[in-house]
Amino acid sequence: MEKITIAIDGYSSTGKSTIAKQLAKALGYVYVDTGAMYRAVTLFAMRNGFIDKHHKDVDALVNSLDKIILNFQYNDQLGFSEMYLNGENVEKEIRTMEVSQFVSPVAEIEAVRIKLVALQQKMGKAKGIVMDGRDIGTVVFPDAEVKIFMSASPEKRAYRRYKELLHKGEEVDYDEVLKNVQQRDAIDSSREFSPLRKAEDAIEFDNSDMGLKEQFERMYNFALRIIEKK
């Protein structure tokens, strides 16, 4: 059976990664979390003093991009690939609220997106891939056979993120998480280069009141119908 490319875009904390992992596992496809890549670059920028609450040194980060090596390594025990930055496993560190505060300002930098889009396109060249992010169906793989755009209310997404962070042991405030979600929405949707938007031929899923099981079944069956037509 011919393999296809599945592009999943949408707002932060809509559960894109969870669904994408499930789809990839069920189909025997490769899963790529592009958000992890932008988070890793953000972590690099933070560690090197290129970004904090008071400034963003775009030139310094851009001039250091050739020093950033990103790759995913599959973890058999976890059942998914983890993000490595210059040979270091940073999977846990990139998921913190601290990194979340700066990922959108870093991701809007044109040179950063150019570098990561090229890497993502290389990863998906052979198809048989499920990739999630902000611009997968519009920029990375505009010819993807399946395009899904996920959305939910900011309040629902903030609550999910809040619970997730609490489960990981972080001390967070719901209002702070909601503010971060809203700020990321604004930056992601209004940035000049590769903004977050729904591709014209994407299927939209508003999962504000939808459980994981229902989401997965609907998307999986939709993908199967496309694959069977190939």
Protein backbone atom coordinates (compact mmCIF):
# COMPACT_ATOMS: atom_id res chain seq x y z
CA MET A 1 0.00 0.00 0.00
CA GLU A 2 1.42 3.38 -1.00
CA LYS A 3 2.43 5.60 1.87
CA ILE A 4 1.29 9.20 2.26
CA THR A 5 2.19 12.36 4.18
CA ILE A 6 -0.06 13.44 7.05
CA ALA A 7 0.24 17.10 8.11
CA ILE A 8 -1.32 18.17 11.41
CA ASP A 9 -1.40 21.89 12.21
CA GLY A 10 -3.15 23.92 14.84
CA TYR A 11 -2.96 26.08 17.94
CA SER A 12 -0.79 25.29 20.94
CA SER A 13 -2.06 22.71 23.43
CA THR A 14 -4.71 21.24 21.12
CA GLY A 15 -3.24 17.76 21.52
CA LYS A 16 -1.59 17.66 18.10
CA SER A 17 1.38 15.64 19.30
CA THR A 18 -0.74 13.08 21.14
CA ILE A 19 -2.94 12.41 18.12
CA ALA A 20 0.00 12.46 15.71
CA LYS A 21 1.86 9.85 17.79
CA GLN A 22 -1.23 7.62 17.85
CA LEU A 23 -1.75 7.91 14.10
CA ALA A 24 1.90 7.20 13.34
CA LYS A 25 1.91 4.13 15.58
CA ALA A 26 -1.34 2.76 14.13
CA LEU A 27 -0.16 3.27 10.54
CA GLY A 28 3.44 2.23 11.07
CA TYR A 29 4.60 5.70 10.04
CA VAL A 30 7.39 7.95 11.31
CA TYR A 31 6.29 10.70 13.71
CA VAL A 32 8.00 14.10 13.79
CA ASP A 33 7.17 16.71 16.43
CA THR A 34 8.30 19.97 14.82
CA GLY A 35 7.34 21.88 17.96
CA ALA A 36 10.12 20.03 19.78
CA MET A 37 12.58 21.31 17.20
CA TYR A 38 11.58 24.94 17.77
CA ARG A 39 11.63 24.38 21.52
CA ALA A 40 15.17 22.99 21.27
CA VAL A 41 16.33 26.07 19.35
CA THR A 42 14.63 28.21 22.00
CA LEU A 43 16.45 26.34 24.76
CA PHE A 44 19.73 26.93 22.94
CA ALA A 45 18.92 30.65 22.70
CA MET A 46 18.07 30.82 26.40
CA ARG A 47 21.22 28.99 27.47
CA ASN A 48 23.37 31.34 25.41
CA GLY A 49 21.69 34.51 26.63
CA PHE A 50 20.11 35.36 23.28
CA ILE A 51 16.61 35.69 24.72
CA ASP A 52 15.05 36.44 28.09
CA LYS A 53 12.20 38.52 29.46
CA HIS A 54 13.99 41.76 28.61
CA HIS A 55 15.55 41.22 25.19
CA LYS A 56 15.84 39.09 22.05
CA ASP A 57 19.15 39.14 20.19
CA VAL A 58 18.06 37.90 16.77
CA ASP A 59 21.40 38.50 15.08
CA ALA A 60 23.33 36.52 17.69
CA LEU A 61 20.96 33.57 17.39
CA VAL A 62 20.94 33.63 13.59
CA ASN A 63 24.75 33.74 13.53
CA SER A 64 24.82 30.69 15.80
CA LEU A 65 22.34 28.51 13.90
CA ASP A 66 25.13 26.48 12.31
CA LYS A 67 26.13 25.40 15.83
CA ILE A 68 22.73 23.80 16.42
CA ILE A 69 22.39 20.11 15.61
CA LEU A 70 18.94 18.60 16.10
CA ASN A 71 17.91 14.99 15.85
CA PHE A 72 15.30 12.60 17.20
CA GLN A 73 16.25 9.32 18.85
CA TYR A 74 13.66 6.61 19.41
CA ASN A 75 13.15 5.51 23.02
CA ASP A 76 11.93 1.91 23.13
CA GLN A 77 10.69 2.21 26.71
CA LEU A 78 8.64 5.35 26.04
CA GLY A 79 7.51 4.28 22.58
CA PHE A 80 8.36 7.58 20.88
CA SER A 81 11.35 9.61 19.72
CA GLU A 82 12.97 12.17 22.00
CA MET A 83 14.56 15.48 21.05
CA TYR A 84 18.34 15.79 21.14
CA LEU A 85 20.18 19.13 20.99
CA ASN A 86 23.84 18.82 20.09
CA GLY A 87 23.88 15.25 21.36
CA GLU A 88 22.03 16.00 24.62
CA ASN A 89 18.60 14.63 25.45
CA VAL A 90 16.55 17.77 26.15
CA GLU A 91 13.09 16.22 25.88
CA LYS A 92 12.12 17.06 29.45
CA GLU A 93 13.70 20.49 29.60
CA ILE A 94 12.06 21.80 26.41
CA ARG A 95 8.57 21.04 27.77
CA THR A 96 8.81 23.45 30.70
CA MET A 97 6.73 26.59 31.09
CA GLU A 98 9.94 28.63 30.96
CA VAL A 99 10.70 27.46 27.42
CA SER A 100 7.04 27.88 26.42
CA GLN A 101 7.30 31.59 27.23
CA PHE A 102 9.90 32.15 24.52
CA VAL A 103 9.23 29.54 21.84
CA SER A 104 6.87 31.69 19.75
CA PRO A 105 9.23 34.73 19.65
CA VAL A 106 12.04 32.41 18.52
CA ALA A 107 9.85 30.53 16.04
CA GLU A 108 8.88 33.75 14.25
CA ILE A 109 12.49 34.41 13.22
CA GLU A 110 12.72 33.82 9.47
CA ALA A 111 16.19 32.25 9.48
CA VAL A 112 15.14 29.79 12.19
CA ARG A 113 12.10 28.69 10.21
CA ILE A 114 14.09 28.34 7.00
CA LYS A 115 16.62 26.08 8.73
CA LEU A 116 14.00 23.89 10.41
CA VAL A 117 11.65 23.68 7.42
CA ALA A 118 14.54 22.37 5.31
CA LEU A 119 15.26 19.70 7.94
CA GLN A 120 11.59 18.75 8.14
CA GLN A 121 11.22 18.44 4.38
CA LYS A 122 14.28 16.20 4.31
CA MET A 123 12.77 13.98 7.02
CA GLY A 124 9.55 13.56 5.06
CA LYS A 125 11.00 13.06 1.62
CA ALA A 126 10.19 9.33 1.58
CA LYS A 127 6.60 9.87 2.84
CA GLY A 128 5.11 7.51 5.42
CA ILE A 129 5.28 10.33 7.95
CA VAL A 130 2.99 12.12 10.40
CA MET A 131 4.25 15.61 11.20
CA ASP A 132 2.63 18.19 13.44
CA GLY A 133 3.28 21.89 13.91
CA ARG A 134 2.06 25.30 12.76
CA ASP A 135 2.91 25.39 9.05
CA ILE A 136 3.14 21.75 7.97
CA GLY A 137 0.20 21.77 5.55
CA THR A 138 0.86 25.30 4.28
CA VAL A 139 4.66 25.49 4.00
CA VAL A 140 6.50 22.27 4.85
CA PHE A 141 4.26 19.86 2.92
CA PRO A 142 1.71 21.87 0.91
CA ASP A 143 1.05 18.74 -1.18
CA ALA A 144 0.37 16.45 1.79
CA GLU A 145 -2.40 13.96 1.06
CA VAL A 146 -3.97 14.47 4.50
CA LYS A 147 -4.11 17.88 6.17
CA ILE A 148 -5.69 18.34 9.57
CA PHE A 149 -6.11 21.61 11.46
CA MET A 150 -6.78 21.30 15.18
CA SER A 151 -8.39 23.96 17.33
CA ALA A 152 -10.08 24.41 20.71
CA SER A 153 -11.00 27.32 22.94
CA PRO A 154 -8.05 29.05 24.69
CA GLU A 155 -9.57 28.19 28.08
CA LYS A 156 -9.82 24.47 27.27
CA ARG A 157 -6.28 24.39 25.93
CA ALA A 158 -4.89 26.28 28.90
CA TYR A 159 -6.58 23.89 31.33
CA ARG A 160 -5.13 20.86 29.53
CA ARG A 161 -1.66 22.40 29.56
CA TYR A 162 -2.06 23.39 33.22
CA LYS A 163 -2.97 19.82 34.22
CA GLU A 164 -0.12 18.41 32.13
CA LEU A 165 2.45 20.66 33.83
CA LEU A 166 1.10 19.87 37.29
CA HIS A 167 1.37 16.16 36.48
CA LYS A 168 5.03 16.71 35.59
CA GLY A 169 5.63 18.32 38.97
CA GLU A 170 5.86 21.95 37.87
CA GLU A 171 4.44 24.70 40.05
CA VAL A 172 2.23 26.70 37.70
CA ASP A 173 -0.70 29.06 37.86
CA TYR A 174 -3.68 28.53 35.54
CA ASP A 175 -3.98 32.25 34.72
CA GLU A 176 -0.30 32.31 33.76
CA VAL A 177 -0.79 29.31 31.47
CA LEU A 178 -3.87 30.90 29.87
CA LYS A 179 -1.96 34.14 29.27
CA ASN A 180 0.86 32.16 27.64
CA VAL A 181 -1.59 30.31 25.37
CA GLN A 182 -3.20 33.57 24.26
CA GLN A 183 0.15 35.25 23.66
CA ARG A 184 1.40 32.31 21.60
CA ASP A 185 -1.81 32.36 19.54
CA ALA A 186 -1.31 36.05 18.78
CA ILE A 187 2.35 35.68 17.81
CA ASP A 188 1.89 32.47 15.81
CA SER A 189 -1.06 33.85 13.85
CA SER A 190 0.33 37.30 13.12
CA ARG A 191 4.01 36.66 12.39
CA GLU A 192 5.18 37.83 8.98
CA PHE A 193 6.98 34.64 7.97
CA SER A 194 5.01 31.38 7.78
CA PRO A 195 2.09 32.33 10.06
CA LEU A 196 -0.25 29.79 11.61
CA ARG A 197 -3.28 29.41 9.37
CA LYS A 198 -5.56 26.67 8.17
CA ALA A 199 -4.71 25.34 4.70
CA GLU A 200 -7.63 25.70 2.31
CA ASP A 201 -7.85 21.93 1.83
CA ALA A 202 -7.36 21.00 5.51
CA ILE A 203 -10.03 19.27 7.59
CA GLU A 204 -10.67 21.20 10.81
CA PHE A 205 -11.14 19.45 14.14
CA ASP A 206 -12.39 21.53 17.05
CA ASN A 207 -11.74 19.24 20.00
CA SER A 208 -12.96 21.56 22.75
CA ASP A 209 -15.52 18.93 23.76
CA MET A 210 -14.03 15.85 22.14
CA GLY A 211 -12.23 13.00 23.89
CA LEU A 212 -8.97 11.47 22.70
CA LYS A 213 -10.59 8.22 21.61
CA GLU A 214 -13.14 9.97 19.39
CA GLN A 215 -10.48 12.25 17.90
CA PHE A 216 -8.18 9.37 17.08
CA GLU A 217 -10.90 7.20 15.54
CA ARG A 218 -12.16 10.02 13.32
CA MET A 219 -8.70 11.00 12.10
CA TYR A 220 -7.52 7.42 11.67
CA ASN A 221 -10.55 6.45 9.60
CA PHE A 222 -10.19 9.59 7.51
CA ALA A 223 -6.50 8.81 6.84
CA LEU A 224 -7.32 5.21 5.93
CA ARG A 225 -9.86 6.34 3.34
CA ILE A 226 -7.21 8.51 1.67
CA ILE A 227 -4.58 5.76 1.80
CA GLU A 228 -6.97 3.20 0.28
CA LYS A 229 -7.54 5.50 -2.68
CA LYS A 230 -3.84 5.63 -3.52
